[in-house]
Amino acid sequence: MEGRPPPGGRPKTLAGYLEALSRPVFQAGMSWRVIDAKWDDIRRAFAGFDPRTVADFGPADVQRLLGDPRMVRSRAKIEATIDNAQALLELDAEYGGLASYLGSHGGFDETVADLKRQFRFIGDSGAYHFLWAIGQPVPPYEEWSAAAGRPRGRRRAARGASRGATTSGT
């Protein structure tokens, strides 16, 4: 996930957790600028990320969102958000609160591994940014990025190198 994560802060409601979880889902593979520009519309389309409302979305809601030009119209991301709302509600009930669920793991790596199991469309980068956004302890980004094999600017460097390779010698 390139770009900057949203400002950190512990959510006061489950809607805040779902919104923080949904941001990296929608941002995956896209510019953070595009998501920033669309985020207010995405929030409205998902009923303020109220997890009970979103968990009840059905096929007609998915079709409505796919037809909305203000949305990121990805069926996989829309359905992941609905499924993630359901999973969030289940974890909240099982652990007596999402903060308790997040604190039930041995540390950052274990929490990331479980987030990837529990939620759709969340990978290493999305889990890192989710945890950072909700005020959970995370390693410094540069250290995490290097350890995860994600050096900053990797895509830009790779694009530049491939462009140079195709244009050199002509």
Protein backbone atom coordinates (compact mmCIF):
# COMPACT_ATOMS: atom_id res chain seq x y z
CA MET A 1 0.00 0.00 0.00
CA GLU A 2 1.73 3.15 -1.13
CA GLY A 3 1.04 6.60 0.16
CA ARG A 4 0.25 7.67 3.64
CA PRO A 5 -1.96 5.89 6.11
CA PRO A 6 -4.80 7.75 7.75
CA PRO A 7 -4.11 9.50 11.06
CA GLY A 8 -3.93 7.12 14.02
CA GLY A 9 -6.38 7.03 16.88
CA ARG A 10 -8.26 4.37 18.81
CA PRO A 11 -11.83 4.04 17.46
CA LYS A 12 -14.62 4.66 19.93
CA THR A 13 -17.15 2.47 18.07
CA LEU A 14 -17.23 -0.66 15.94
CA ALA A 15 -17.99 1.61 12.99
CA GLY A 16 -14.62 3.27 13.53
CA TYR A 17 -12.89 -0.13 13.49
CA LEU A 18 -14.74 -1.16 10.32
CA GLU A 19 -13.85 2.09 8.61
CA ALA A 20 -10.17 1.73 9.57
CA LEU A 21 -10.22 -1.88 8.33
CA SER A 22 -11.99 -0.98 5.08
CA ARG A 23 -9.57 1.76 4.10
CA PRO A 24 -6.70 -0.60 3.21
CA VAL A 25 -9.18 -2.94 1.50
CA PHE A 26 -10.21 -0.20 -0.91
CA GLN A 27 -6.72 1.23 -1.20
CA ALA A 28 -5.11 -2.07 -2.22
CA GLY A 29 -3.62 -1.61 -5.66
CA MET A 30 -4.81 1.99 -5.94
CA SER A 31 -3.39 5.42 -5.31
CA TRP A 32 -4.14 6.79 -1.85
CA ARG A 33 -5.09 10.05 -3.58
CA VAL A 34 -7.93 8.30 -5.43
CA ILE A 35 -9.19 6.74 -2.21
CA ASP A 36 -8.90 10.05 -0.33
CA ALA A 37 -10.98 11.74 -3.02
CA LYS A 38 -13.68 9.04 -2.90
CA TRP A 39 -13.64 8.26 0.82
CA ASP A 40 -16.57 10.43 1.91
CA ASP A 41 -18.74 8.82 -0.78
CA ILE A 42 -17.53 5.35 0.18
CA ARG A 43 -18.36 6.08 3.83
CA ARG A 44 -21.88 7.23 2.86
CA ALA A 45 -22.40 4.22 0.60
CA PHE A 46 -21.52 1.91 3.49
CA ALA A 47 -23.89 3.63 5.94
CA GLY A 48 -21.10 5.27 7.91
CA PHE A 49 -19.51 1.81 8.25
CA ASP A 50 -22.09 0.77 10.81
CA PRO A 51 -21.15 -2.92 10.98
CA ARG A 52 -24.68 -4.18 11.70
CA THR A 53 -26.06 -2.36 8.68
CA VAL A 54 -23.17 -3.34 6.39
CA ALA A 55 -23.29 -6.99 7.55
CA ASP A 56 -26.91 -7.10 6.36
CA PHE A 57 -26.07 -5.87 2.84
CA GLY A 58 -27.21 -8.37 0.25
CA PRO A 59 -26.85 -8.92 -3.50
CA ALA A 60 -29.04 -5.91 -4.34
CA ASP A 61 -26.80 -3.66 -2.25
CA VAL A 62 -23.71 -5.03 -3.97
CA GLN A 63 -25.27 -4.29 -7.38
CA ARG A 64 -26.24 -0.79 -6.24
CA LEU A 65 -22.67 -0.08 -5.14
CA LEU A 66 -21.20 -1.54 -8.33
CA GLY A 67 -23.36 0.88 -10.31
CA ASP A 68 -22.40 3.96 -8.28
CA PRO A 69 -19.76 6.01 -10.14
CA ARG A 70 -18.63 7.62 -6.87
CA MET A 71 -17.51 4.21 -5.57
CA VAL A 72 -14.48 2.07 -6.20
CA ARG A 73 -16.49 -0.44 -8.21
CA SER A 74 -14.72 -3.64 -7.30
CA ARG A 75 -17.01 -6.54 -6.45
CA ALA A 76 -14.20 -8.21 -4.48
CA LYS A 77 -13.60 -5.12 -2.32
CA ILE A 78 -17.31 -4.44 -1.77
CA GLU A 79 -18.03 -8.06 -0.80
CA ALA A 80 -14.92 -8.15 1.41
CA THR A 81 -16.20 -5.10 3.30
CA ILE A 82 -19.56 -6.79 3.89
CA ASP A 83 -17.90 -10.03 5.00
CA ASN A 84 -15.48 -8.09 7.20
CA ALA A 85 -18.40 -6.36 8.93
CA GLN A 86 -19.84 -9.79 9.74
CA ALA A 87 -16.47 -11.05 11.02
CA LEU A 88 -15.99 -7.91 13.11
CA LEU A 89 -19.35 -8.43 14.81
CA GLU A 90 -18.52 -12.08 15.50
CA LEU A 91 -15.12 -11.24 17.01
CA ASP A 92 -16.62 -8.42 19.06
CA ALA A 93 -19.21 -10.82 20.52
CA GLU A 94 -16.72 -13.63 21.07
CA TYR A 95 -14.09 -11.49 22.83
CA GLY A 96 -16.36 -8.96 24.53
CA GLY A 97 -14.95 -6.14 22.43
CA LEU A 98 -12.61 -5.70 19.51
CA ALA A 99 -9.90 -4.23 21.73
CA SER A 100 -9.92 -7.51 23.69
CA TYR A 101 -9.60 -9.50 20.45
CA LEU A 102 -6.65 -7.37 19.32
CA GLY A 103 -4.97 -7.79 22.72
CA SER A 104 -5.39 -11.57 22.71
CA HIS A 105 -2.34 -12.21 20.51
CA GLY A 106 1.30 -12.51 21.53
CA GLY A 107 2.49 -9.49 19.59
CA PHE A 108 2.46 -7.63 16.30
CA ASP A 109 3.35 -10.56 14.03
CA GLU A 110 0.76 -12.84 15.63
CA THR A 111 -1.90 -10.14 15.41
CA VAL A 112 -1.14 -9.55 11.73
CA ALA A 113 -1.30 -13.27 11.01
CA ASP A 114 -4.71 -13.55 12.68
CA LEU A 115 -6.09 -10.43 10.98
CA LYS A 116 -5.17 -12.00 7.64
CA ARG A 117 -7.06 -15.16 8.64
CA GLN A 118 -10.13 -13.39 10.01
CA PHE A 119 -10.67 -10.68 7.38
CA ARG A 120 -10.88 -10.73 3.60
CA PHE A 121 -8.66 -8.61 1.39
CA ILE A 122 -6.26 -7.86 4.26
CA GLY A 123 -2.61 -8.68 3.71
CA ASP A 124 0.55 -7.70 5.53
CA SER A 125 0.47 -4.07 4.44
CA GLY A 126 -3.25 -3.65 5.05
CA ALA A 127 -2.94 -5.21 8.51
CA TYR A 128 -0.01 -2.91 9.36
CA HIS A 129 -1.91 0.19 8.28
CA PHE A 130 -5.09 -0.93 10.07
CA LEU A 131 -3.23 -1.46 13.33
CA TRP A 132 -1.41 1.85 12.95
CA ALA A 133 -4.64 3.69 12.16
CA ILE A 134 -6.35 2.39 15.30
CA GLY A 135 -3.45 3.27 17.58
CA GLN A 136 -2.08 -0.24 18.15
CA PRO A 137 1.67 -0.67 18.65
CA VAL A 138 3.42 -1.29 15.35
CA PRO A 139 7.12 -1.38 14.50
CA PRO A 140 8.55 1.75 12.85
CA TYR A 141 7.39 1.73 9.24
CA GLU A 142 10.87 1.80 7.67
CA GLU A 143 12.00 -1.16 9.80
CA TRP A 144 8.82 -3.14 9.13
CA SER A 145 8.94 -2.35 5.43
CA ALA A 146 12.56 -3.47 5.10
CA ALA A 147 11.98 -6.63 7.18
CA ALA A 148 8.90 -7.46 5.09
CA GLY A 149 10.90 -6.98 1.88
CA ARG A 150 8.98 -3.86 0.96
CA PRO A 151 11.59 -1.14 0.60
CA ARG A 152 10.08 2.28 0.16
CA GLY A 153 9.91 3.34 -3.47
CA ARG A 154 10.38 -0.24 -4.75
CA ARG A 155 7.69 0.10 -7.42
CA ARG A 156 9.01 3.43 -8.62
CA ALA A 157 12.56 2.10 -8.75
CA ALA A 158 11.44 -1.01 -10.63
CA ARG A 159 9.45 1.05 -13.14
CA GLY A 160 12.38 3.38 -13.68
CA ALA A 161 14.78 0.47 -14.15
CA SER A 162 12.53 -1.24 -16.67
CA ARG A 163 12.02 2.00 -18.57
CA GLY A 164 15.74 2.58 -18.61
CA ALA A 165 16.34 -0.94 -19.88
CA THR A 166 13.97 -0.46 -22.80
CA THR A 167 15.25 2.95 -23.77
CA SER A 168 18.99 2.48 -23.28
CA GLY A 169 20.96 1.61 -26.32
CA THR A 170 18.52 3.27 -28.74
